[in-house]
Protein backbone atom coordinates (compact mmCIF):
# COMPACT_ATOMS: atom_id res chain seq x y z
CA MET A 1 51.83 18.09 48.47
CA ARG A 2 50.26 20.76 51.13
CA TYR A 3 51.33 23.99 51.85
CA LEU A 4 50.20 26.66 54.16
CA CYS A 5 50.27 30.13 53.30
CA LEU A 6 50.12 32.49 56.20
CA LEU A 7 48.80 36.10 55.38
CA TRP A 8 51.11 38.47 57.39
CA PHE A 9 49.65 42.12 57.16
CA ASP A 10 49.48 45.65 59.16
CA GLY A 11 45.70 45.80 60.27
CA THR A 12 46.11 49.30 60.80
CA ARG A 13 46.10 49.30 56.78
CA LEU A 14 43.13 47.62 56.45
CA ASP A 15 41.29 49.76 59.48
CA THR A 16 41.95 53.18 57.70
CA MET A 17 41.02 51.77 54.16
CA PRO A 18 37.36 53.53 53.12
CA LYS A 19 34.74 50.42 52.87
CA ALA A 20 34.45 50.43 49.22
CA GLU A 21 38.19 49.71 48.79
CA LYS A 22 37.93 46.74 51.79
CA ASP A 23 34.95 45.47 49.88
CA GLU A 24 36.70 45.39 46.91
CA VAL A 25 39.83 43.64 48.79
CA ASP A 26 37.04 41.13 49.96
CA ARG A 27 35.68 40.84 46.45
CA ARG A 28 38.97 39.67 44.67
CA SER A 29 39.89 37.63 48.08
CA LEU A 30 36.84 35.51 47.24
CA ASP A 31 37.07 35.42 43.54
CA HIS A 32 40.53 33.93 43.44
CA ASP A 33 39.51 31.33 46.59
CA ARG A 34 37.16 30.52 44.06
CA GLU A 35 39.29 30.04 41.01
CA LEU A 36 41.89 28.14 43.37
CA GLU A 37 39.02 25.51 44.21
CA ARG A 38 37.78 25.52 40.26
CA SER A 39 41.79 24.53 39.40
CA GLY A 40 41.77 21.70 42.37
CA HIS A 41 44.43 23.94 44.54
CA LEU A 42 42.57 24.98 47.38
CA ILE A 43 41.63 22.94 50.38
CA MET A 44 40.44 25.51 52.91
CA ALA A 45 41.28 29.47 53.29
CA GLN A 46 39.79 31.86 56.29
CA ALA A 47 40.49 35.11 57.42
CA LEU A 48 41.07 35.77 60.83
CA GLN A 49 40.04 38.39 63.23
CA SER A 50 42.38 41.09 64.47
CA PRO A 51 45.33 39.52 67.50
CA ALA A 52 42.89 42.26 69.59
CA ALA A 53 40.27 38.95 69.39
CA ALA A 54 42.94 36.47 70.38
CA VAL A 55 43.75 34.57 73.88
CA THR A 56 47.28 33.13 74.07
CA VAL A 57 47.41 29.86 76.06
CA ARG A 58 50.87 29.07 77.30
CA VAL A 59 51.32 25.85 79.24
CA ARG A 60 54.87 25.91 82.06
CA ALA A 61 55.66 23.19 84.35
CA GLY A 62 51.81 21.51 84.01
CA LYS A 63 49.71 25.34 84.53
CA ALA A 64 48.04 26.22 81.71
CA SER A 65 47.83 30.44 81.43
CA ALA A 66 46.17 32.25 79.53
CA THR A 67 46.34 35.94 78.23
CA ASP A 68 44.28 38.36 75.91
CA GLY A 69 46.22 38.92 72.65
CA PRO A 70 49.33 37.72 71.67
CA PHE A 71 52.69 39.66 72.63
CA ILE A 72 53.06 41.15 69.30
CA GLU A 73 56.53 43.37 68.25
CA THR A 74 55.71 43.93 64.83
CA LYS A 75 53.23 46.05 63.23
CA GLU A 76 52.24 43.03 60.94
CA HIS A 77 50.25 40.04 62.46
CA LEU A 78 48.87 36.98 60.86
CA GLY A 79 45.61 37.98 59.41
CA GLY A 80 44.36 35.25 57.40
CA PHE A 81 45.82 31.85 55.85
CA VAL A 82 44.94 29.53 52.88
CA LEU A 83 45.65 25.64 52.75
CA ILE A 84 46.90 24.45 49.15
CA GLU A 85 47.60 21.23 47.35
CA ALA A 86 50.26 21.91 44.77
CA LYS A 87 52.98 19.51 43.28
CA ASP A 88 55.57 21.19 45.06
CA MET A 89 57.45 24.40 46.31
CA ASP A 90 57.79 26.45 42.99
CA GLU A 91 54.18 25.72 42.16
CA ALA A 92 53.03 27.11 45.47
CA VAL A 93 54.89 29.97 45.26
CA GLN A 94 53.32 30.78 42.44
CA LEU A 95 49.99 30.42 43.87
CA ALA A 96 51.25 32.59 46.65
CA ALA A 97 51.88 35.63 44.40
CA GLU A 98 48.32 35.48 42.99
CA ILE A 99 46.78 35.99 46.51
CA PRO A 100 45.09 39.36 45.95
CA LEU A 101 46.51 40.69 49.17
CA ALA A 102 49.99 39.79 47.99
CA LYS A 103 49.48 41.23 44.53
CA MET A 104 47.83 44.45 46.40
CA GLY A 105 50.78 45.04 48.37
CA ILE A 106 48.33 44.49 51.16
CA ALA A 107 50.16 41.30 52.57
CA SER A 108 53.50 39.21 52.82
CA VAL A 109 52.38 35.39 52.30
CA GLU A 110 54.91 32.80 53.94
CA VAL A 111 54.45 29.31 52.30
CA ARG A 112 55.40 26.36 54.74
CA PRO A 113 54.68 22.70 53.47
CA ILE A 114 52.62 21.10 55.59
CA TYR A 115 54.57 18.37 57.98
CA ASN A 116 52.94 15.24 57.54
CA VAL A 117 53.19 12.82 60.84
CA ASP A 118 52.30 9.22 60.30
CA TYR A 119 50.43 7.93 62.48
CA PRO A 120 50.88 4.00 63.84
CA ALA A 121 47.31 2.00 62.59
CA ALA A 122 46.57 1.43 66.51
CA ALA A 123 46.59 5.34 67.52
CA ALA A 124 44.38 5.95 64.20
CA GLU A 125 41.55 2.82 65.31
CA ALA A 126 42.01 4.37 68.86
CA SER A 127 40.75 7.85 68.07
């Protein structure tokens, strides 16, 4: 089963980190991704740019509008994700706890099972 591990953290903490420390975070994260890949658990992992680089799209009454950045009420924002394959939620949580940003106390990891939708064969053939 697939699980999405969402990495939530306070971006100001990374912004104020010395370059050598940031480089260490990046190195540990990439090493961990390679380890997950070797074990057959990694599907994909990506870091995200800050919310300042985002655009939020809303469709209301059939009309789309776009605004810079999301509306954030908390200090934490979504900073990246790791999509994994695990046998169950327990294994997914164990794998999430090994993510370096979590182990270093920089990020919280939200683990969500992927919702699988079975599309009818005709719809799959049309796309």
